[in-house]
Amino acid sequence: MKRIFSLILLGCLLYVTAACSPDSSAASSVSAKPAETTSASAETTTQTTPANTPTSIPTAKPTGITLANYPRVDGSTATIPLAIGLMQSITGCSEADAESATNFSMTDPSYYALAKGDADLLLVYEAAPATRADLDVDLTMDVREIGLDALVFIVNADNPVESLTADQIRGIYSGTIKNWKDVGGKDEEIVAFQRPELSGSQTLMLELMMKDTQMVAPSKEILAESMADVIDDIASYDNSANAIGYSVYYYAKNMYTQPDLKFIAVDGVLPSNDSINSGEYGYSHPFYGILPLSPTPEASLILDWLLTPDGQKLIEDCGYVPILRK
């Protein structure tokens, strides 16, 4: 966790303070070289209510929730800034206090923490199929979509390839395409970094991109253990222009950017807040707020509020794509 928080402090300390503070009145943005970001307008995204929002809940921000009775929140690395901003917004605490109180075990371990009663609320990406089956998630947890993220592909800025088709990406990761010249690049071997099985980005890779296509077994050299590792590995590989990897959009754009890397368009569409919100970028996926079936009152109130227009505005102000589409 120390490394995770150091990434947040280095990459988005000012971002969380400005965009997610209780006193923030407008969305802030962080520029990142890999992709151009366009935030959706709050006015256009608050006209409807998500289908999974209870109709009887109040729209006002929950009151009476302090650091002393704040629920235990766990989840994915990429939702840590949301957890910090949410705690600041609900309790009025300082950023330092919110950071100190935020201790995430990452995607799949957080599902087990909720199941064991060690967490009250998850802000989390989808669990691996084995975890979902083991915990019977759909029957044992209250799962609600709260925002959108996307599976994104990253290469070195020196790589002349700007776009790949889904079939080309599947070819690269199944081992049938091994040279960049076969996809419009230089005559160089493709080094395709992967993530471990029980990681949120690997789950998205298998579900959204690979589907029924088998990924080639990774060597130790190309298996990136953490979300930061895959970005570092692409940037620092000996011949970095021939490396490719994948992550989730929010993390790569806001939490751990590298100036010498860029996003690859998929089927001609670059990932951005706009293209993810509109559905134009075809590899978006929800992230979730999850409660146990018998939640604490505080955790239930907070998740209910996140699905109101004001809660969705907080999600957007923290740099995420709200579940309310234009």
Protein backbone atom coordinates (compact mmCIF):
# COMPACT_ATOMS: atom_id res chain seq x y z
CA MET A 1 0.00 0.00 0.00
CA LYS A 2 2.89 2.42 0.57
CA ARG A 3 3.76 2.23 -3.12
CA ILE A 4 0.15 2.76 -4.14
CA PHE A 5 -0.16 5.88 -2.03
CA SER A 6 3.15 7.22 -3.29
CA LEU A 7 1.78 6.96 -6.83
CA ILE A 8 -1.31 8.87 -5.81
CA LEU A 9 0.68 11.58 -4.10
CA LEU A 10 3.01 11.93 -7.08
CA GLY A 11 0.41 11.64 -9.82
CA CYS A 12 -2.82 13.11 -8.53
CA LEU A 13 -2.36 14.82 -5.16
CA LEU A 14 -3.36 18.19 -6.55
CA TYR A 15 -6.06 16.54 -8.64
CA VAL A 16 -7.85 14.97 -5.69
CA THR A 17 -7.55 18.13 -3.62
CA ALA A 18 -8.99 20.39 -6.30
CA ALA A 19 -11.53 18.18 -7.98
CA CYS A 20 -12.85 16.12 -5.06
CA SER A 21 -12.70 18.50 -2.12
CA PRO A 22 -16.01 19.32 -0.40
CA ASP A 23 -15.61 22.94 -1.48
CA SER A 24 -15.05 22.19 -5.17
CA SER A 25 -17.68 23.78 -7.36
CA ALA A 26 -16.43 22.72 -10.78
CA ALA A 27 -14.74 19.73 -12.35
CA SER A 28 -10.98 19.82 -12.64
CA SER A 29 -8.90 17.95 -15.19
CA VAL A 30 -5.39 16.58 -15.38
CA SER A 31 -3.72 16.74 -18.74
CA ALA A 32 -1.96 13.57 -19.84
CA LYS A 33 0.09 13.25 -22.97
CA PRO A 34 -1.24 9.82 -24.01
CA ALA A 35 -4.76 11.07 -24.78
CA GLU A 36 -6.85 14.18 -25.04
CA THR A 37 -9.43 14.37 -22.26
CA THR A 38 -12.85 15.96 -22.58
CA SER A 39 -15.00 15.94 -19.48
CA ALA A 40 -18.73 15.46 -19.89
CA SER A 41 -20.90 18.39 -18.88
CA ALA A 42 -22.57 18.01 -15.51
CA GLU A 43 -25.75 19.59 -16.89
CA THR A 44 -26.05 17.03 -19.67
CA THR A 45 -25.31 14.01 -17.49
CA THR A 46 -27.81 14.67 -14.72
CA GLN A 47 -31.06 14.61 -16.67
CA THR A 48 -31.89 10.97 -16.00
CA THR A 49 -31.44 8.52 -13.16
CA PRO A 50 -29.56 5.23 -13.55
CA ALA A 51 -31.77 2.18 -13.87
CA ASN A 52 -30.26 0.58 -10.77
CA THR A 53 -30.92 3.60 -8.53
CA PRO A 54 -33.62 2.99 -5.87
CA THR A 55 -36.46 5.42 -6.55
CA SER A 56 -37.23 6.11 -2.89
CA ILE A 57 -33.81 7.30 -1.75
CA PRO A 58 -33.15 10.92 -0.81
CA THR A 59 -30.99 12.95 -3.18
CA ALA A 60 -29.38 15.01 -0.42
CA LYS A 61 -25.87 14.15 0.71
CA PRO A 62 -25.93 11.86 3.78
CA THR A 63 -25.52 13.69 7.08
CA GLY A 64 -24.27 12.49 10.45
CA ILE A 65 -21.48 10.39 8.95
CA THR A 66 -18.10 11.20 10.47
CA LEU A 67 -14.68 9.61 10.43
CA ALA A 68 -15.70 7.74 13.58
CA ASN A 69 -18.65 5.94 11.97
CA TYR A 70 -17.52 6.01 8.35
CA PRO A 71 -17.85 2.57 6.75
CA ARG A 72 -14.79 0.48 5.97
CA VAL A 73 -14.24 0.96 2.24
CA ASP A 74 -12.09 -1.32 0.10
CA GLY A 75 -11.64 -1.85 -3.62
CA SER A 76 -9.41 -1.49 -6.66
CA THR A 77 -6.24 0.55 -7.04
CA ALA A 78 -7.86 2.81 -9.64
CA THR A 79 -10.70 3.79 -7.30
CA ILE A 80 -8.50 4.98 -4.44
CA PRO A 81 -8.79 8.66 -5.51
CA LEU A 82 -12.59 8.28 -5.58
CA ALA A 83 -12.57 6.81 -2.08
CA ILE A 84 -10.48 9.72 -0.82
CA GLY A 85 -12.65 12.32 -2.52
CA LEU A 86 -15.85 10.62 -1.33
CA MET A 87 -14.70 10.57 2.29
CA GLN A 88 -13.76 14.25 2.11
CA SER A 89 -17.12 15.12 0.58
CA ILE A 90 -19.22 13.11 3.05
CA THR A 91 -17.35 13.92 6.28
CA GLY A 92 -15.68 17.24 5.52
CA CYS A 93 -12.36 15.78 6.65
CA SER A 94 -8.99 16.85 5.29
CA GLU A 95 -7.28 15.09 2.41
CA ALA A 96 -4.57 13.85 4.78
CA ASP A 97 -7.17 12.27 7.07
CA ALA A 98 -8.93 10.65 4.12
CA GLU A 99 -5.67 9.22 2.81
CA SER A 100 -4.74 7.83 6.22
CA ALA A 101 -8.12 6.13 6.52
CA THR A 102 -8.02 4.59 3.03
CA ASN A 103 -6.47 1.12 2.91
CA PHE A 104 -7.34 -0.83 -0.24
CA SER A 105 -6.44 -4.48 -0.77
CA MET A 106 -7.05 -4.30 -4.57
CA THR A 107 -9.71 -5.88 -6.75
CA ASP A 108 -10.15 -9.57 -6.01
CA PRO A 109 -8.92 -9.49 -2.39
CA SER A 110 -11.47 -6.75 -1.66
CA TYR A 111 -14.35 -9.04 -2.69
CA TYR A 112 -13.12 -11.58 -0.16
CA ALA A 113 -12.81 -8.84 2.46
CA LEU A 114 -16.47 -7.90 1.95
CA ALA A 115 -17.53 -11.55 2.07
CA LYS A 116 -15.64 -12.07 5.36
CA GLY A 117 -17.08 -8.94 6.95
CA ASP A 118 -13.78 -7.07 6.84
CA ALA A 119 -15.22 -4.32 4.61
CA ASP A 120 -18.57 -2.52 4.49
CA LEU A 121 -18.48 -1.03 0.98
CA LEU A 122 -16.47 -1.71 -2.16
CA LEU A 123 -15.55 0.78 -4.89
CA VAL A 124 -14.25 -1.80 -7.28
CA TYR A 125 -13.75 -3.25 -10.74
CA GLU A 126 -15.08 -6.61 -11.82
CA ALA A 127 -13.64 -9.66 -10.10
CA ALA A 128 -12.06 -12.55 -11.97
CA PRO A 129 -14.52 -15.32 -12.96
CA ALA A 130 -12.99 -17.69 -10.41
CA THR A 131 -13.55 -15.16 -7.62
CA ARG A 132 -17.12 -14.45 -8.75
CA ALA A 133 -17.90 -18.15 -8.81
CA ASP A 134 -16.20 -18.86 -5.49
CA LEU A 135 -18.14 -16.10 -3.71
CA ASP A 136 -21.32 -16.43 -5.81
CA VAL A 137 -21.17 -12.64 -6.09
CA ASP A 138 -24.51 -12.14 -7.85
CA LEU A 139 -26.41 -13.83 -5.02
CA THR A 140 -24.38 -12.78 -1.98
CA MET A 141 -23.69 -9.10 -2.70
CA ASP A 142 -25.61 -5.97 -3.70
CA VAL A 143 -23.74 -4.94 -6.87
CA ARG A 144 -24.47 -1.55 -8.49
CA GLU A 145 -22.83 0.19 -11.43
CA ILE A 146 -21.54 3.62 -10.38
CA GLY A 147 -19.20 4.68 -13.18
CA LEU A 148 -17.48 3.71 -16.40
CA ASP A 149 -13.88 2.92 -17.19
CA ALA A 150 -12.26 1.19 -20.12
CA LEU A 151 -9.59 -1.27 -21.14
CA VAL A 152 -6.86 0.70 -22.91
CA PHE A 153 -3.72 -0.24 -24.81
CA ILE A 154 -0.44 1.63 -24.36
CA VAL A 155 2.70 1.84 -26.47
CA ASN A 156 5.77 4.03 -26.55
CA ALA A 157 5.28 7.45 -28.16
CA ASP A 158 8.00 6.57 -30.69
CA ASN A 159 5.93 3.72 -32.07
CA PRO A 160 4.49 4.87 -35.44
CA VAL A 161 1.36 2.73 -35.03
CA GLU A 162 -1.58 4.88 -33.94
CA SER A 163 -4.47 2.41 -34.17
CA LEU A 164 -5.02 -1.33 -34.04
CA THR A 165 -8.11 -3.35 -34.79
CA ALA A 166 -9.53 -5.70 -32.19
CA ASP A 167 -8.52 -8.64 -34.38
CA GLN A 168 -4.94 -7.35 -34.50
CA ILE A 169 -4.79 -7.01 -30.72
CA ARG A 170 -6.14 -10.52 -30.29
CA GLY A 171 -3.55 -11.70 -32.79
CA ILE A 172 -0.76 -10.04 -30.83
CA TYR A 173 -1.86 -11.52 -27.52
CA SER A 174 -2.58 -14.98 -28.92
CA GLY A 175 0.86 -15.08 -30.52
CA THR A 176 -0.24 -15.18 -34.17
CA ILE A 177 1.03 -11.63 -34.84
CA LYS A 178 4.62 -11.23 -33.68
CA ASN A 179 6.07 -8.32 -35.67
CA TRP A 180 4.99 -4.68 -35.80
CA LYS A 181 5.42 -4.62 -39.59
CA ASP A 182 2.35 -6.88 -39.80
CA VAL A 183 0.19 -4.12 -38.29
CA GLY A 184 1.69 -1.10 -40.04
CA GLY A 185 4.74 -0.57 -37.85
CA LYS A 186 8.46 -1.14 -38.09
CA ASP A 187 10.15 -4.47 -38.66
CA GLU A 188 10.52 -5.21 -34.95
CA GLU A 189 9.38 -8.00 -32.65
CA ILE A 190 6.28 -7.20 -30.60
CA VAL A 191 6.81 -7.47 -26.85
CA ALA A 192 3.33 -7.78 -25.35
CA PHE A 193 3.16 -7.29 -21.58
CA GLN A 194 0.41 -9.05 -19.63
CA ARG A 195 -1.12 -8.85 -16.14
CA PRO A 196 -1.65 -11.69 -13.63
CA GLU A 197 -4.89 -13.65 -13.67
CA LEU A 198 -6.34 -12.15 -10.49
CA SER A 199 -6.09 -8.50 -11.49
CA GLY A 200 -8.88 -6.17 -12.59
CA SER A 201 -7.23 -5.25 -15.88
CA GLN A 202 -6.61 -8.91 -16.75
CA THR A 203 -10.27 -9.68 -16.10
CA LEU A 204 -11.26 -6.88 -18.49
CA MET A 205 -8.72 -8.04 -21.08
CA LEU A 206 -10.12 -11.56 -21.12
CA GLU A 207 -13.77 -10.47 -21.03
CA LEU A 208 -13.76 -7.49 -23.39
CA MET A 209 -10.97 -8.23 -25.83
CA MET A 210 -9.82 -11.84 -25.90
CA LYS A 211 -13.22 -13.48 -25.33
CA ASP A 212 -12.86 -17.02 -26.75
CA THR A 213 -9.29 -16.45 -28.00
CA GLN A 214 -6.58 -18.02 -25.83
CA MET A 215 -3.80 -15.69 -24.68
CA VAL A 216 -0.26 -16.91 -25.13
CA ALA A 217 1.31 -17.99 -21.82
CA PRO A 218 3.47 -15.10 -20.59
CA SER A 219 7.10 -15.44 -19.63
CA LYS A 220 8.23 -13.94 -16.34
CA GLU A 221 9.80 -11.07 -18.28
CA ILE A 222 6.49 -9.87 -19.74
CA LEU A 223 4.25 -10.48 -16.71
CA ALA A 224 3.71 -7.15 -14.93
CA GLU A 225 2.65 -7.73 -11.33
CA SER A 226 1.13 -4.31 -10.63
CA MET A 227 -0.64 -1.61 -12.62
CA ALA A 228 2.39 0.63 -12.19
CA ASP A 229 4.72 -2.14 -13.33
CA VAL A 230 3.06 -2.56 -16.72
CA ILE A 231 3.42 1.16 -17.47
CA ASP A 232 7.01 1.24 -16.21
CA ASP A 233 7.85 -1.89 -18.16
CA ILE A 234 6.60 -0.45 -21.45
CA ALA A 235 8.44 2.82 -20.85
CA SER A 236 11.74 1.25 -19.78
CA TYR A 237 11.96 -1.87 -21.95
CA ASP A 238 15.33 -2.07 -23.74
CA ASN A 239 13.78 -1.39 -27.12
CA SER A 240 10.71 0.38 -25.78
CA ALA A 241 9.18 1.27 -29.15
CA ASN A 242 8.28 -2.39 -29.69
CA ALA A 243 6.44 -2.93 -26.38
CA ILE A 244 2.67 -2.88 -25.78
CA GLY A 245 0.57 -3.37 -22.66
CA TYR A 246 -2.88 -2.71 -21.27
CA SER A 247 -4.41 -1.02 -18.25
CA VAL A 248 -7.60 0.74 -17.23
CA TYR A 249 -8.16 4.22 -18.60
CA TYR A 250 -8.45 6.14 -15.32
CA TYR A 251 -5.26 4.73 -13.85
CA ALA A 252 -3.16 5.28 -16.96
CA LYS A 253 -4.57 8.76 -17.58
CA ASN A 254 -4.72 10.22 -14.09
CA MET A 255 -2.83 8.17 -11.54
CA TYR A 256 0.37 7.00 -13.18
CA THR A 257 1.11 8.76 -16.44
CA GLN A 258 4.36 8.49 -18.37
CA PRO A 259 5.14 11.30 -20.84
CA ASP A 260 6.82 8.97 -23.33
CA LEU A 261 3.81 6.69 -23.73
CA LYS A 262 0.58 7.01 -25.71
CA PHE A 263 -2.78 5.32 -25.97
CA ILE A 264 -3.47 3.28 -29.09
CA ALA A 265 -6.84 3.77 -30.78
CA VAL A 266 -8.86 0.57 -31.11
CA ASP A 267 -10.79 0.24 -34.36
CA GLY A 268 -10.00 3.90 -35.01
CA VAL A 269 -11.35 5.28 -31.71
CA LEU A 270 -9.10 6.73 -28.99
CA PRO A 271 -10.23 6.30 -25.39
CA SER A 272 -11.33 9.56 -23.76
CA ASN A 273 -13.95 10.66 -21.25
CA ASP A 274 -16.23 11.55 -24.16
CA SER A 275 -15.77 8.37 -26.21
CA ILE A 276 -16.21 6.19 -23.12
CA ASN A 277 -19.29 8.10 -21.93
CA SER A 278 -20.93 7.95 -25.35
CA GLY A 279 -20.11 4.29 -25.94
CA GLU A 280 -18.12 5.12 -29.09
CA TYR A 281 -15.03 3.51 -27.57
CA GLY A 282 -16.06 -0.12 -27.59
CA TYR A 283 -14.03 -1.43 -24.65
CA SER A 284 -15.63 0.41 -21.77
CA HIS A 285 -16.93 -1.39 -18.70
CA PRO A 286 -18.67 -0.35 -15.49
CA PHE A 287 -17.02 -0.19 -12.12
CA TYR A 288 -19.10 -0.84 -9.07
CA GLY A 289 -20.25 0.08 -5.63
CA ILE A 290 -20.92 -3.14 -3.72
CA LEU A 291 -22.57 -3.79 -0.37
CA PRO A 292 -23.17 -6.98 1.59
CA LEU A 293 -26.81 -8.03 1.60
CA SER A 294 -27.12 -6.74 5.17
CA PRO A 295 -25.22 -3.45 4.96
CA THR A 296 -24.50 -0.89 7.63
CA PRO A 297 -26.82 2.14 7.41
CA GLU A 298 -23.89 4.44 6.67
CA ALA A 299 -22.55 2.32 3.80
CA SER A 300 -26.04 2.00 2.31
CA LEU A 301 -26.63 5.76 2.45
CA ILE A 302 -23.28 6.51 0.80
CA LEU A 303 -23.81 4.07 -2.07
CA ASP A 304 -27.37 5.31 -2.59
CA TRP A 305 -26.06 8.87 -2.77
CA LEU A 306 -23.35 7.98 -5.30
CA LEU A 307 -26.13 7.05 -7.72
CA THR A 308 -27.90 10.40 -7.40
CA PRO A 309 -27.07 13.28 -9.76
CA ASP A 310 -24.94 14.92 -7.05
CA GLY A 311 -23.09 11.68 -6.38
CA GLN A 312 -22.48 11.19 -10.08
CA LYS A 313 -21.19 14.78 -10.22
CA LEU A 314 -18.63 13.88 -7.56
CA ILE A 315 -17.55 10.87 -9.60
CA GLU A 316 -17.15 13.09 -12.65
CA ASP A 317 -15.33 15.80 -10.69
CA CYS A 318 -12.87 13.17 -9.50
CA GLY A 319 -12.02 12.49 -13.14
CA TYR A 320 -14.04 9.32 -13.69
CA VAL A 321 -16.72 8.79 -16.32
CA PRO A 322 -20.17 8.76 -14.64
CA ILE A 323 -22.59 5.93 -15.36
CA LEU A 324 -25.15 8.50 -16.51
CA ARG A 325 -24.55 8.68 -20.25
CA LYS A 326 -25.23 11.74 -22.39
